[in-house]
Amino acid sequence: MNFDAFWQTHRRFIMGMAGGLILFFILLAISGGGSKERLSKARSSISRSGRQMQSSQLYSANQVSTLKERLEELRVRNKLLADRNLPAFRARFQVPQGTSPAQHYISLSGEMRDELIGWALRRNCEVDDSLGLPPVSPSQPQQIDRVLRGLDVVDRIVHLAVDFGASEVDKVRIAQKRQHRSGRNVSPLDITPITLEVTFARTSIAPFLTALLAEQGAGRPLGLTGLEILPRNDKRMEQKVLLEFGVGALPAPVDAEDLQ
């Protein structure tokens, strides 16, 4: 075959292939160099991490076991302190398992308005017909839980006030917004403030206050955070006391498996 004729015929094709091969080898060289560099950096990083792990102080199995025991002791201690200081959350006010929180809230709040307010009226005591509940029913489970905890305390305080001759329980408020304690020692508790005003007409407030403090001291905490006795109104022969409470719950416990 005549080479000149072949070259003239296929010159563009041959030059294109030659150019492609040259470009291929150039890219291969660049890629290979970069891979080697990345591989070298990875090996260096692994070696450095290994040295750091060897030099660092790791927890032994005995230390992990000790930490778990300490965690359990702290849980028991927290539970004891919570029982002494946080208001009890009675079963009636808790959402039963398998029940819609919203449905339980609507049902219970309706029952409470009928039962508690009616019972107080029969004992000559007027009670704020809102019971401190928000005008719009909460929809989120956490909000419902927070309001029901407050309602539990309101129910206990109304019964206590009526038993000691209160003529009115007014201005009841259960805050929907949670309150976190701030400052140097930040509390992890989710606190819900409750306020109310109790009026005693022609009756001393002393027995009520004594019973209120006795409840707290007898291991049945009401979460009392503030108390103000207003001056007696001699014209109306009555005296009011402003009360503030805080209800809350302990945060979810840390899983001991996280220590492994």
Protein backbone atom coordinates (compact mmCIF):
# COMPACT_ATOMS: atom_id res chain seq x y z
CA MET A 1 0.00 0.00 0.00
CA ASN A 2 1.22 3.50 -0.81
CA PHE A 3 1.85 5.15 2.58
CA ASP A 4 1.59 8.64 1.18
CA ALA A 5 -1.81 7.90 -0.25
CA PHE A 6 -2.94 6.34 3.07
CA TRP A 7 -1.66 9.39 5.01
CA GLN A 8 -3.39 11.82 2.77
CA THR A 9 -6.62 9.89 3.02
CA HIS A 10 -6.65 9.32 6.82
CA ARG A 11 -4.51 12.17 8.07
CA ARG A 12 -7.25 13.91 10.10
CA PHE A 13 -8.32 10.70 11.77
CA ILE A 14 -4.77 9.70 12.71
CA MET A 15 -3.96 13.14 14.10
CA GLY A 16 -7.20 13.15 16.10
CA MET A 17 -6.38 9.79 17.64
CA ALA A 18 -2.82 10.86 18.43
CA GLY A 19 -4.09 14.01 20.10
CA GLY A 20 -6.64 12.02 22.12
CA LEU A 21 -3.99 9.60 23.34
CA ILE A 22 -1.69 12.41 24.38
CA LEU A 23 -4.52 14.13 26.28
CA PHE A 24 -5.47 10.83 27.94
CA PHE A 25 -1.96 10.24 29.27
CA ILE A 26 -1.71 13.83 30.49
CA LEU A 27 -4.99 13.50 32.45
CA LEU A 28 -3.95 10.10 33.78
CA ALA A 29 -0.70 11.56 35.08
CA ILE A 30 -2.52 14.45 36.75
CA SER A 31 -5.17 12.16 38.28
CA GLY A 32 -2.62 9.67 39.45
CA GLY A 33 -0.60 12.38 41.14
CA GLY A 34 -3.65 13.75 42.93
CA SER A 35 -4.73 10.28 44.09
CA LYS A 36 -1.29 9.58 45.49
CA GLU A 37 -1.35 12.89 47.31
CA ARG A 38 -4.81 12.22 48.79
CA LEU A 39 -3.78 8.70 49.76
CA SER A 40 -0.71 10.06 51.50
CA LYS A 41 -2.79 12.61 53.42
CA ALA A 42 -5.33 9.95 54.45
CA ARG A 43 -2.60 7.63 55.74
CA SER A 44 -1.08 10.51 57.66
CA SER A 45 -4.44 11.39 59.21
CA ILE A 46 -5.07 7.78 60.26
CA SER A 47 -1.64 7.54 61.83
CA ARG A 48 -2.15 10.81 63.70
CA SER A 49 -5.56 9.72 65.03
CA GLY A 50 -4.09 6.41 66.16
CA ARG A 51 -1.35 8.16 68.11
CA GLN A 52 -3.90 10.48 69.73
CA MET A 53 -6.08 7.55 70.80
CA GLN A 54 -3.09 5.75 72.28
CA SER A 55 -2.00 8.82 74.23
CA SER A 56 -5.52 9.81 75.42
CA GLN A 57 -7.08 8.46 78.61
CA LEU A 58 -9.97 6.12 77.80
CA TYR A 59 -12.61 4.80 80.20
CA SER A 60 -12.15 1.22 81.25
CA ALA A 61 -15.02 -1.25 81.73
CA ASN A 62 -14.84 -0.75 85.51
CA GLN A 63 -14.99 3.02 85.12
CA VAL A 64 -18.04 2.75 82.86
CA SER A 65 -19.74 0.50 85.42
CA THR A 66 -18.98 3.02 88.18
CA LEU A 67 -20.40 5.86 86.10
CA LYS A 68 -23.60 3.90 85.47
CA GLU A 69 -24.01 3.27 89.21
CA ARG A 70 -23.47 6.96 89.91
CA LEU A 71 -26.03 7.90 87.25
CA GLU A 72 -28.62 5.61 88.84
CA GLU A 73 -27.92 7.16 92.27
CA LEU A 74 -28.48 10.63 90.81
CA ARG A 75 -31.75 9.50 89.22
CA VAL A 76 -33.03 8.24 92.56
CA ARG A 77 -31.93 11.49 94.22
CA ASN A 78 -33.63 13.59 91.56
CA LYS A 79 -36.84 11.60 91.93
CA LEU A 80 -36.78 12.13 95.70
CA LEU A 81 -36.24 15.88 95.34
CA ALA A 82 -38.96 16.11 92.68
CA ASP A 83 -41.46 14.31 94.93
CA ARG A 84 -40.67 16.74 97.74
CA ASN A 85 -40.85 19.94 95.72
CA LEU A 86 -42.81 19.50 92.49
CA PRO A 87 -46.60 19.32 92.66
CA ALA A 88 -47.94 15.82 92.19
CA PHE A 89 -49.58 15.09 88.84
CA ARG A 90 -52.64 13.09 89.79
CA ALA A 91 -53.85 10.31 87.52
CA ARG A 92 -57.13 12.02 86.64
CA PHE A 93 -55.31 14.89 84.99
CA GLN A 94 -52.92 12.72 83.00
CA VAL A 95 -53.79 11.64 79.48
CA PRO A 96 -54.61 7.90 79.58
CA GLN A 97 -52.55 5.70 77.31
CA GLY A 98 -54.21 5.22 73.95
CA THR A 99 -56.40 8.32 74.38
CA SER A 100 -56.22 11.45 72.25
CA PRO A 101 -54.67 14.27 74.36
CA ALA A 102 -56.99 16.85 72.79
CA GLN A 103 -60.09 14.75 73.45
CA HIS A 104 -59.05 14.09 77.06
CA TYR A 105 -58.42 17.80 77.60
CA ILE A 106 -61.84 18.82 76.27
CA SER A 107 -63.64 16.16 78.27
CA LEU A 108 -61.82 16.81 81.54
CA SER A 109 -61.99 20.60 81.37
CA GLY A 110 -65.75 20.39 80.81
CA GLU A 111 -66.17 18.05 83.76
CA MET A 112 -64.04 20.28 85.99
CA ARG A 113 -66.08 23.38 85.18
CA ASP A 114 -69.31 21.59 86.07
CA GLU A 115 -68.07 19.76 89.17
CA LEU A 116 -65.67 22.20 90.81
CA ILE A 117 -67.56 25.44 90.19
CA GLY A 118 -70.89 23.86 91.15
CA TRP A 119 -69.42 22.33 94.32
CA ALA A 120 -67.89 25.69 95.34
CA LEU A 121 -71.16 27.57 94.76
CA ARG A 122 -72.97 25.16 97.05
CA ARG A 123 -70.38 26.13 99.67
CA ASN A 124 -71.00 29.86 99.08
CA CYS A 125 -67.82 30.44 97.13
CA GLU A 126 -67.65 31.89 93.63
CA VAL A 127 -64.89 30.51 91.41
CA ASP A 128 -63.52 32.04 88.21
CA ASP A 129 -65.48 30.07 85.61
CA SER A 130 -62.46 29.87 83.30
CA LEU A 131 -60.45 27.97 85.94
CA GLY A 132 -57.45 29.64 84.34
CA LEU A 133 -57.78 27.60 81.17
CA PRO A 134 -56.82 29.31 77.89
CA PRO A 135 -59.69 30.64 75.75
CA VAL A 136 -58.51 28.47 72.85
CA SER A 137 -57.90 24.82 73.66
CA PRO A 138 -54.27 23.78 73.18
CA SER A 139 -53.62 21.25 70.45
CA GLN A 140 -50.04 20.10 71.02
CA PRO A 141 -49.49 17.24 73.53
CA GLN A 142 -46.82 19.19 75.44
CA GLN A 143 -49.07 22.23 75.76
CA ILE A 144 -51.97 20.06 76.91
CA ASP A 145 -49.75 18.35 79.49
CA ARG A 146 -48.57 21.74 80.78
CA VAL A 147 -52.11 23.13 81.19
CA LEU A 148 -53.41 19.94 82.83
CA ARG A 149 -50.61 20.10 85.39
CA GLY A 150 -51.74 23.62 86.18
CA LEU A 151 -55.38 22.56 86.38
CA ASP A 152 -54.42 19.87 88.89
CA VAL A 153 -52.97 22.52 91.21
CA VAL A 154 -55.94 24.86 90.69
CA ASP A 155 -58.31 22.07 91.71
CA ARG A 156 -56.36 21.43 94.92
CA ILE A 157 -56.17 25.12 95.84
CA VAL A 158 -59.90 25.72 95.24
CA HIS A 159 -60.81 22.77 97.46
CA LEU A 160 -58.44 24.01 100.17
CA ALA A 161 -59.75 27.59 99.97
CA VAL A 162 -63.41 26.57 100.07
CA ASP A 163 -62.80 24.21 103.01
CA PHE A 164 -61.45 27.16 105.02
CA GLY A 165 -64.25 29.57 104.23
CA ALA A 166 -63.15 31.47 101.12
CA SER A 167 -65.88 33.52 99.50
CA GLU A 168 -64.23 33.86 96.09
CA VAL A 169 -61.40 32.42 94.01
CA ASP A 170 -60.79 34.80 91.14
CA LYS A 171 -58.24 35.85 88.51
CA VAL A 172 -57.07 32.30 87.96
CA ARG A 173 -54.40 32.08 85.26
CA ILE A 174 -52.46 29.11 83.93
CA ALA A 175 -49.72 30.44 81.68
CA GLN A 176 -49.39 28.68 78.34
CA LYS A 177 -45.85 29.88 77.73
CA ARG A 178 -43.29 27.87 79.60
CA GLN A 179 -40.87 29.66 81.85
CA HIS A 180 -37.21 28.66 82.06
CA ARG A 181 -35.29 29.89 85.04
CA SER A 182 -32.28 31.91 83.92
CA GLY A 183 -29.16 33.00 85.67
CA ARG A 184 -26.01 31.42 86.87
CA ASN A 185 -27.62 28.09 87.74
CA VAL A 186 -30.03 27.45 84.89
CA SER A 187 -32.82 25.05 85.75
CA PRO A 188 -33.68 22.35 83.20
CA LEU A 189 -37.26 22.27 84.49
CA ASP A 190 -40.08 23.36 82.24
CA ILE A 191 -41.98 25.61 84.66
CA THR A 192 -45.60 26.70 84.13
CA PRO A 193 -46.66 29.67 86.33
CA ILE A 194 -50.11 29.72 87.93
CA THR A 195 -51.65 32.73 89.67
CA LEU A 196 -54.91 33.24 91.50
CA GLU A 197 -56.60 35.51 94.05
CA VAL A 198 -58.49 34.15 97.07
CA THR A 199 -60.92 36.33 99.02
CA PHE A 200 -62.10 35.71 102.58
CA ALA A 201 -65.15 37.69 103.74
CA ARG A 202 -65.85 37.84 107.48
CA THR A 203 -63.42 34.99 107.89
CA SER A 204 -59.80 34.99 108.95
CA ILE A 205 -57.27 33.96 106.32
CA ALA A 206 -54.94 32.50 108.96
CA PRO A 207 -56.38 28.92 108.98
CA PHE A 208 -56.15 28.76 105.18
CA LEU A 209 -52.52 29.95 105.14
CA THR A 210 -51.62 27.50 107.90
CA ALA A 211 -53.16 24.62 105.96
CA LEU A 212 -51.47 25.77 102.75
CA LEU A 213 -48.03 25.75 104.34
CA ALA A 214 -48.77 22.48 106.12
CA GLU A 215 -49.54 20.82 102.79
CA GLN A 216 -46.14 21.90 101.51
CA GLY A 217 -44.38 20.72 104.65
CA ALA A 218 -46.22 17.39 104.78
CA GLY A 219 -44.67 16.19 101.54
CA ARG A 220 -47.64 17.17 99.38
CA PRO A 221 -46.09 20.11 97.52
CA LEU A 222 -48.28 22.60 95.74
CA GLY A 223 -45.41 24.40 94.04
CA LEU A 224 -45.95 27.63 95.99
CA THR A 225 -43.57 30.31 94.66
CA GLY A 226 -45.18 33.55 95.84
CA LEU A 227 -47.66 34.77 98.45
CA GLU A 228 -48.93 38.31 99.09
CA ILE A 229 -51.50 39.24 101.73
CA LEU A 230 -53.34 42.43 100.77
CA PRO A 231 -54.52 44.93 103.40
CA ARG A 232 -57.88 44.12 104.91
CA ASN A 233 -60.87 46.00 103.46
CA ASP A 234 -62.81 46.91 106.59
CA LYS A 235 -65.64 48.46 104.61
CA ARG A 236 -66.35 45.20 102.81
CA MET A 237 -65.08 43.13 105.71
CA GLU A 238 -62.87 41.04 103.48
CA GLN A 239 -59.23 40.28 102.85
CA LYS A 240 -57.49 38.94 99.77
CA VAL A 241 -54.39 36.84 99.31
CA LEU A 242 -52.51 36.56 96.01
CA LEU A 243 -50.91 33.22 95.30
CA GLU A 244 -48.35 32.13 92.73
CA PHE A 245 -47.41 28.55 91.92
CA GLY A 246 -45.05 26.82 89.54
CA VAL A 247 -45.58 23.34 88.16
CA GLY A 248 -43.07 21.44 86.10
CA ALA A 249 -41.53 18.10 85.32
CA LEU A 250 -38.06 16.62 85.35
CA PRO A 251 -36.33 16.41 81.95
CA ALA A 252 -36.14 13.07 80.17
CA PRO A 253 -33.47 10.86 81.81
CA VAL A 254 -30.17 10.20 80.06
CA ASP A 255 -29.84 6.67 78.74
CA ALA A 256 -27.05 4.85 80.53
CA GLU A 257 -26.09 3.20 77.25
CA ASP A 258 -24.85 6.60 76.10
CA LEU A 259 -21.95 6.19 78.50
CA GLN A 260 -20.58 3.25 76.51
